[in-house]
Amino acid sequence: MAMNALGIALRELESTEELAGEEELRELARRLRAGDVPEDALPQLKEHVAAKLRVSNPDYLERYS
């Protein structure tokens, strides 16, 4: 378990990807709840999740994408 945590920490430090900011994600969530779905919502969310998986579990991303 510790090795997994260290691997995640290392990938996080090495990552140069810019994730959507918390405020941006809150605004998107608010719009989605209100039924106001931006045209780029799905690609934006897919990329956000993929970027997080590249850090937390890249094998999972490779296996299921």
C-alpha atoms as a PDB file:
ATOM      1  CA  MET A   1       0.000   0.000   0.000  1.00  0.00           C
ATOM      2  CA  ALA A   2       2.828   2.397   0.832  1.00  0.00           C
ATOM      3  CA  MET A   3       4.484   1.715  -2.526  1.00  0.00           C
ATOM      4  CA  ASN A   4       1.231   2.548  -4.304  1.00  0.00           C
ATOM      5  CA  ALA A   5       0.942   5.818  -2.375  1.00  0.00           C
ATOM      6  CA  LEU A   6       4.549   6.688  -3.192  1.00  0.00           C
ATOM      7  CA  GLY A   7       3.922   5.927  -6.872  1.00  0.00           C
ATOM      8  CA  ILE A   8       0.928   8.252  -6.888  1.00  0.00           C
ATOM      9  CA  ALA A   9       2.922  10.980  -5.141  1.00  0.00           C
ATOM     10  CA  LEU A  10       5.768  10.627  -7.643  1.00  0.00           C
ATOM     11  CA  ARG A  11       3.436  10.770 -10.657  1.00  0.00           C
ATOM     12  CA  GLU A  12       1.706  13.795  -9.144  1.00  0.00           C
ATOM     13  CA  LEU A  13       5.008  15.623  -8.711  1.00  0.00           C
ATOM     14  CA  GLU A  14       6.097  14.747 -12.255  1.00  0.00           C
ATOM     15  CA  SER A  15       2.782  15.730 -13.820  1.00  0.00           C
ATOM     16  CA  THR A  16       2.681  18.979 -15.746  1.00  0.00           C
ATOM     17  CA  GLU A  17      -1.029  18.740 -16.547  1.00  0.00           C
ATOM     18  CA  GLU A  18      -3.265  21.583 -15.503  1.00  0.00           C
ATOM     19  CA  LEU A  19      -6.496  20.249 -14.071  1.00  0.00           C
ATOM     20  CA  ALA A  20      -9.653  22.293 -14.049  1.00  0.00           C
ATOM     21  CA  GLY A  21      -9.713  24.531 -11.005  1.00  0.00           C
ATOM     22  CA  GLU A  22     -12.061  23.874  -8.133  1.00  0.00           C
ATOM     23  CA  GLU A  23     -14.067  27.001  -8.894  1.00  0.00           C
ATOM     24  CA  GLU A  24     -14.384  26.002 -12.557  1.00  0.00           C
ATOM     25  CA  LEU A  25     -15.616  22.536 -11.545  1.00  0.00           C
ATOM     26  CA  ARG A  26     -18.109  24.031  -9.078  1.00  0.00           C
ATOM     27  CA  GLU A  27     -19.478  26.300 -11.798  1.00  0.00           C
ATOM     28  CA  LEU A  28     -19.788  23.381 -14.213  1.00  0.00           C
ATOM     29  CA  ALA A  29     -21.568  21.302 -11.542  1.00  0.00           C
ATOM     30  CA  ARG A  30     -23.943  24.189 -10.830  1.00  0.00           C
ATOM     31  CA  ARG A  31     -24.758  24.537 -14.517  1.00  0.00           C
ATOM     32  CA  LEU A  32     -25.287  20.798 -14.935  1.00  0.00           C
ATOM     33  CA  ARG A  33     -27.651  20.676 -11.941  1.00  0.00           C
ATOM     34  CA  ALA A  34     -29.593  23.584 -13.435  1.00  0.00           C
ATOM     35  CA  GLY A  35     -29.918  21.734 -16.743  1.00  0.00           C
ATOM     36  CA  ASP A  36     -27.615  24.176 -18.525  1.00  0.00           C
ATOM     37  CA  VAL A  37     -25.190  21.729 -20.130  1.00  0.00           C
ATOM     38  CA  PRO A  38     -22.336  23.424 -22.006  1.00  0.00           C
ATOM     39  CA  GLU A  39     -21.473  21.918 -25.394  1.00  0.00           C
ATOM     40  CA  ASP A  40     -17.972  21.042 -24.224  1.00  0.00           C
ATOM     41  CA  ALA A  41     -19.050  19.492 -20.891  1.00  0.00           C
ATOM     42  CA  LEU A  42     -18.540  15.833 -21.815  1.00  0.00           C
ATOM     43  CA  PRO A  43     -15.083  16.207 -23.403  1.00  0.00           C
ATOM     44  CA  GLN A  44     -14.041  18.502 -20.552  1.00  0.00           C
ATOM     45  CA  LEU A  45     -15.155  15.993 -17.895  1.00  0.00           C
ATOM     46  CA  LYS A  46     -13.588  13.062 -19.742  1.00  0.00           C
ATOM     47  CA  GLU A  47     -10.240  14.846 -19.929  1.00  0.00           C
ATOM     48  CA  HIS A  48     -10.424  15.845 -16.272  1.00  0.00           C
ATOM     49  CA  VAL A  49     -11.068  12.242 -15.194  1.00  0.00           C
ATOM     50  CA  ALA A  50      -8.359  10.917 -17.540  1.00  0.00           C
ATOM     51  CA  ALA A  51      -5.826  13.392 -16.120  1.00  0.00           C
ATOM     52  CA  LYS A  52      -6.644  12.286 -12.585  1.00  0.00           C
ATOM     53  CA  LEU A  53      -6.358   8.617 -13.571  1.00  0.00           C
ATOM     54  CA  ARG A  54      -2.976   9.221 -15.222  1.00  0.00           C
ATOM     55  CA  VAL A  55      -1.765  10.136 -11.739  1.00  0.00           C
ATOM     56  CA  SER A  56      -3.742   7.789  -9.507  1.00  0.00           C
ATOM     57  CA  ASN A  57      -3.957   4.648 -11.645  1.00  0.00           C
ATOM     58  CA  PRO A  58      -2.507   4.829 -15.172  1.00  0.00           C
ATOM     59  CA  ASP A  59      -2.977   1.065 -15.692  1.00  0.00           C
ATOM     60  CA  TYR A  60      -6.724   1.451 -15.200  1.00  0.00           C
ATOM     61  CA  LEU A  61      -6.832   4.219 -17.784  1.00  0.00           C
ATOM     62  CA  GLU A  62      -4.897   2.140 -20.323  1.00  0.00           C
ATOM     63  CA  ARG A  63      -7.056  -0.916 -19.704  1.00  0.00           C
ATOM     64  CA  TYR A  64     -10.428   0.819 -20.044  1.00  0.00           C
ATOM     65  CA  SER A  65      -9.898   3.662 -22.491  1.00  0.00           C
END
